[in-house]
N, C-alpha and C. Protein backbone atom coordinates (compact mmCIF):
# COMPACT_ATOMS: atom_id res chain seq x y z
N MET A 1 -9.40 11.21 -35.92
CA MET A 1 -9.27 10.05 -35.93
C MET A 1 -7.70 9.86 -35.74
N LEU A 2 -7.14 9.03 -34.14
CA LEU A 2 -6.04 8.60 -34.18
C LEU A 2 -5.16 7.41 -35.26
N ILE A 3 -3.77 7.71 -35.78
CA ILE A 3 -3.54 7.15 -36.64
C ILE A 3 -1.84 6.97 -36.04
N GLY A 4 -1.81 5.72 -36.29
CA GLY A 4 0.04 5.06 -36.28
C GLY A 4 0.47 5.25 -34.75
N PHE A 5 1.08 5.97 -34.33
CA PHE A 5 1.84 5.95 -33.20
C PHE A 5 0.91 6.16 -31.73
N ASP A 6 -0.04 7.70 -32.73
CA ASP A 6 -0.89 8.10 -31.43
C ASP A 6 -2.31 6.92 -31.20
N PHE A 7 -2.43 6.40 -32.06
CA PHE A 7 -2.82 5.01 -31.83
C PHE A 7 -2.74 3.83 -30.89
N ALA A 8 -1.95 3.20 -31.56
CA ALA A 8 -0.82 2.51 -31.01
C ALA A 8 -0.63 3.38 -29.52
N MET A 9 -0.18 4.24 -29.12
CA MET A 9 -0.57 4.73 -27.78
C MET A 9 -1.58 5.00 -26.49
N ALA A 10 -2.55 4.47 -27.61
CA ALA A 10 -4.40 5.44 -26.97
C ALA A 10 -4.81 4.13 -26.63
N ALA A 11 -5.07 3.42 -27.33
CA ALA A 11 -5.34 2.50 -28.04
C ALA A 11 -5.09 1.13 -26.72
N ASN A 12 -6.58 0.62 -26.26
CA ASN A 12 -6.46 -0.17 -25.36
C ASN A 12 -6.45 -1.70 -25.78
N LEU A 13 -5.72 -1.92 -26.54
CA LEU A 13 -5.48 -3.21 -27.38
C LEU A 13 -4.15 -3.76 -27.24
N PRO A 14 -4.09 -5.37 -27.02
CA PRO A 14 -3.08 -6.06 -26.99
C PRO A 14 -2.27 -5.55 -28.92
N PHE A 15 -1.06 -6.40 -28.29
CA PHE A 15 -0.23 -5.98 -29.94
C PHE A 15 -0.86 -6.38 -30.88
N ALA A 16 -1.46 -7.61 -31.49
CA ALA A 16 -2.20 -8.47 -32.64
C ALA A 16 -3.74 -7.14 -32.64
N GLY A 17 -3.65 -6.51 -31.73
CA GLY A 17 -5.10 -5.62 -32.34
C GLY A 17 -4.59 -4.57 -32.86
N VAL A 18 -3.50 -3.88 -32.15
CA VAL A 18 -3.13 -2.40 -32.80
C VAL A 18 -2.69 -3.16 -34.53
N ALA A 19 -1.63 -4.05 -34.47
CA ALA A 19 -1.42 -4.48 -35.22
C ALA A 19 -1.76 -4.47 -36.72
N ASP A 20 -3.39 -5.35 -36.31
CA ASP A 20 -4.40 -5.46 -37.32
C ASP A 20 -4.67 -4.27 -37.92
N HIS A 21 -5.52 -3.45 -36.96
CA HIS A 21 -5.56 -1.49 -37.08
C HIS A 21 -4.89 -1.07 -37.91
N LEU A 22 -3.29 -1.21 -37.83
CA LEU A 22 -2.47 -0.31 -38.42
C LEU A 22 -1.94 -1.70 -40.08
N GLY A 23 -2.83 -2.59 -40.24
CA GLY A 23 -2.65 -3.21 -41.39
C GLY A 23 -0.92 -4.00 -41.11
N ILE A 24 -0.65 -4.13 -39.75
CA ILE A 24 0.45 -4.96 -40.43
C ILE A 24 0.66 -6.34 -39.43
N SER A 25 1.01 -7.21 -40.39
CA SER A 25 1.14 -8.71 -39.92
C SER A 25 2.03 -9.01 -38.96
N LEU A 26 2.21 -9.32 -37.81
CA LEU A 26 2.83 -9.91 -36.93
C LEU A 26 3.24 -11.51 -36.98
N SER A 27 4.22 -11.58 -37.05
CA SER A 27 4.50 -13.68 -36.66
C SER A 27 4.33 -13.29 -35.13
N ALA A 28 4.37 -14.55 -35.36
CA ALA A 28 4.05 -15.24 -33.82
C ALA A 28 5.79 -14.90 -32.79
N SER A 29 6.91 -14.83 -33.71
CA SER A 29 7.99 -14.89 -33.09
C SER A 29 8.24 -13.46 -32.47
N LYS A 30 7.50 -12.53 -33.52
CA LYS A 30 8.03 -11.29 -33.74
C LYS A 30 7.18 -10.79 -32.31
N HIS A 31 5.43 -11.57 -32.13
CA HIS A 31 4.43 -11.37 -31.35
C HIS A 31 4.96 -11.04 -29.74
N VAL A 32 6.05 -12.42 -30.04
CA VAL A 32 6.51 -12.99 -28.56
C VAL A 32 7.84 -11.93 -27.77
N GLU A 33 8.60 -11.40 -29.01
CA GLU A 33 9.77 -10.63 -28.93
C GLU A 33 8.78 -8.99 -28.39
N LEU A 34 7.76 -8.62 -28.73
CA LEU A 34 7.76 -7.44 -28.81
C LEU A 34 6.73 -7.80 -26.89
N SER A 35 6.39 -8.62 -26.96
CA SER A 35 5.70 -9.19 -25.41
C SER A 35 6.37 -8.70 -24.49
N GLU A 36 7.86 -9.52 -25.23
CA GLU A 36 8.86 -9.58 -23.48
C GLU A 36 9.20 -7.99 -23.49
N ALA A 37 9.57 -7.42 -24.33
CA ALA A 37 10.16 -6.53 -24.51
C ALA A 37 9.24 -5.80 -23.93
N LEU A 38 7.78 -5.55 -24.04
CA LEU A 38 7.42 -4.36 -23.57
C LEU A 38 7.20 -4.70 -22.05
N GLU A 39 6.86 -6.19 -21.44
CA GLU A 39 6.55 -6.64 -20.49
C GLU A 39 7.86 -6.00 -19.04
N LYS A 40 9.45 -6.00 -19.84
CA LYS A 40 10.73 -6.01 -19.55
C LYS A 40 10.68 -3.87 -19.34
N GLU A 41 10.37 -3.20 -20.01
CA GLU A 41 9.99 -1.78 -20.01
C GLU A 41 8.83 -1.79 -18.88
N ILE A 42 8.01 -2.42 -18.85
CA ILE A 42 6.64 -2.02 -17.84
C ILE A 42 7.36 -2.57 -16.63
N SER A 43 8.41 -3.45 -16.12
CA SER A 43 8.95 -3.74 -15.17
C SER A 43 9.68 -2.82 -14.54
N SER A 44 10.37 -2.20 -15.58
CA SER A 44 11.61 -1.16 -14.81
C SER A 44 10.92 0.16 -14.44
N ILE A 45 9.48 0.78 -14.74
CA ILE A 45 8.97 1.75 -14.33
C ILE A 45 8.84 1.88 -12.46
N GLU A 46 9.33 2.73 -12.55
CA GLU A 46 9.49 3.07 -11.11
C GLU A 46 8.62 4.54 -10.57
N LEU A 47 7.92 4.63 -9.74
CA LEU A 47 6.97 5.79 -9.46
C LEU A 47 8.31 6.60 -8.70
N TYR A 48 7.86 8.51 -9.06
CA TYR A 48 8.91 9.08 -8.11
C TYR A 48 8.38 8.92 -6.60
N PRO A 49 9.27 8.91 -5.29
CA PRO A 49 9.16 9.07 -4.25
C PRO A 49 8.22 9.79 -3.78
N ASP A 50 7.54 10.92 -4.40
CA ASP A 50 6.46 11.81 -3.72
C ASP A 50 5.32 11.31 -4.19
N ALA A 51 5.11 10.19 -5.54
CA ALA A 51 4.08 10.27 -6.10
C ALA A 51 2.85 9.84 -5.64
N VAL A 52 2.80 8.82 -4.68
CA VAL A 52 1.82 8.26 -4.02
C VAL A 52 1.20 9.02 -3.23
N ARG A 53 1.69 10.28 -2.39
CA ARG A 53 1.54 11.02 -1.80
C ARG A 53 0.44 12.41 -2.07
N ALA A 54 1.44 12.80 -3.48
CA ALA A 54 0.89 13.76 -4.26
C ALA A 54 -0.45 13.21 -5.13
N ILE A 55 -0.50 12.35 -5.60
CA ILE A 55 -1.81 12.34 -5.92
C ILE A 55 -2.60 11.67 -4.82
N VAL A 56 -2.62 12.07 -3.25
CA VAL A 56 -3.81 12.05 -2.74
C VAL A 56 -3.80 12.88 -2.29
N GLU A 57 -3.26 14.11 -2.42
CA GLU A 57 -3.14 14.91 -1.94
C GLU A 57 -4.06 15.79 -2.82
N LEU A 58 -3.91 15.59 -4.22
CA LEU A 58 -4.49 15.73 -5.47
C LEU A 58 -6.14 15.59 -5.38
N GLN A 59 -6.53 14.27 -5.06
CA GLN A 59 -8.00 13.56 -4.52
C GLN A 59 -8.42 14.22 -3.92
N ASN A 60 -7.57 14.82 -2.87
CA ASN A 60 -8.44 15.39 -1.30
C ASN A 60 -8.77 16.88 -1.47
N SER A 61 -8.13 17.44 -2.97
CA SER A 61 -8.21 19.01 -3.31
C SER A 61 -9.82 18.98 -3.39
N GLU A 62 -9.92 20.09 -3.25
CA GLU A 62 -11.11 20.76 -3.95
C GLU A 62 -11.49 21.11 -4.77
N SER A 63 -10.47 21.28 -5.71
CA SER A 63 -10.51 21.47 -7.31
C SER A 63 -10.49 19.97 -7.47
N TRP A 64 -10.46 18.69 -7.08
CA TRP A 64 -10.58 17.80 -8.08
C TRP A 64 -12.03 17.86 -7.58
């Protein structure tokens, strides 16, 4: 059973679902704050320059 951080990272839930599972009450303003921070973090993620090529090569390999 996943708890705490492990659950939050593995769950396919919105903030409200994770908070509810963990017994945390989020105010509307905190929900907005967390959503904006997450969006900013996600939008800053960049692939390594060779990531797409590496993924294609892995998918085309016989061991895949």
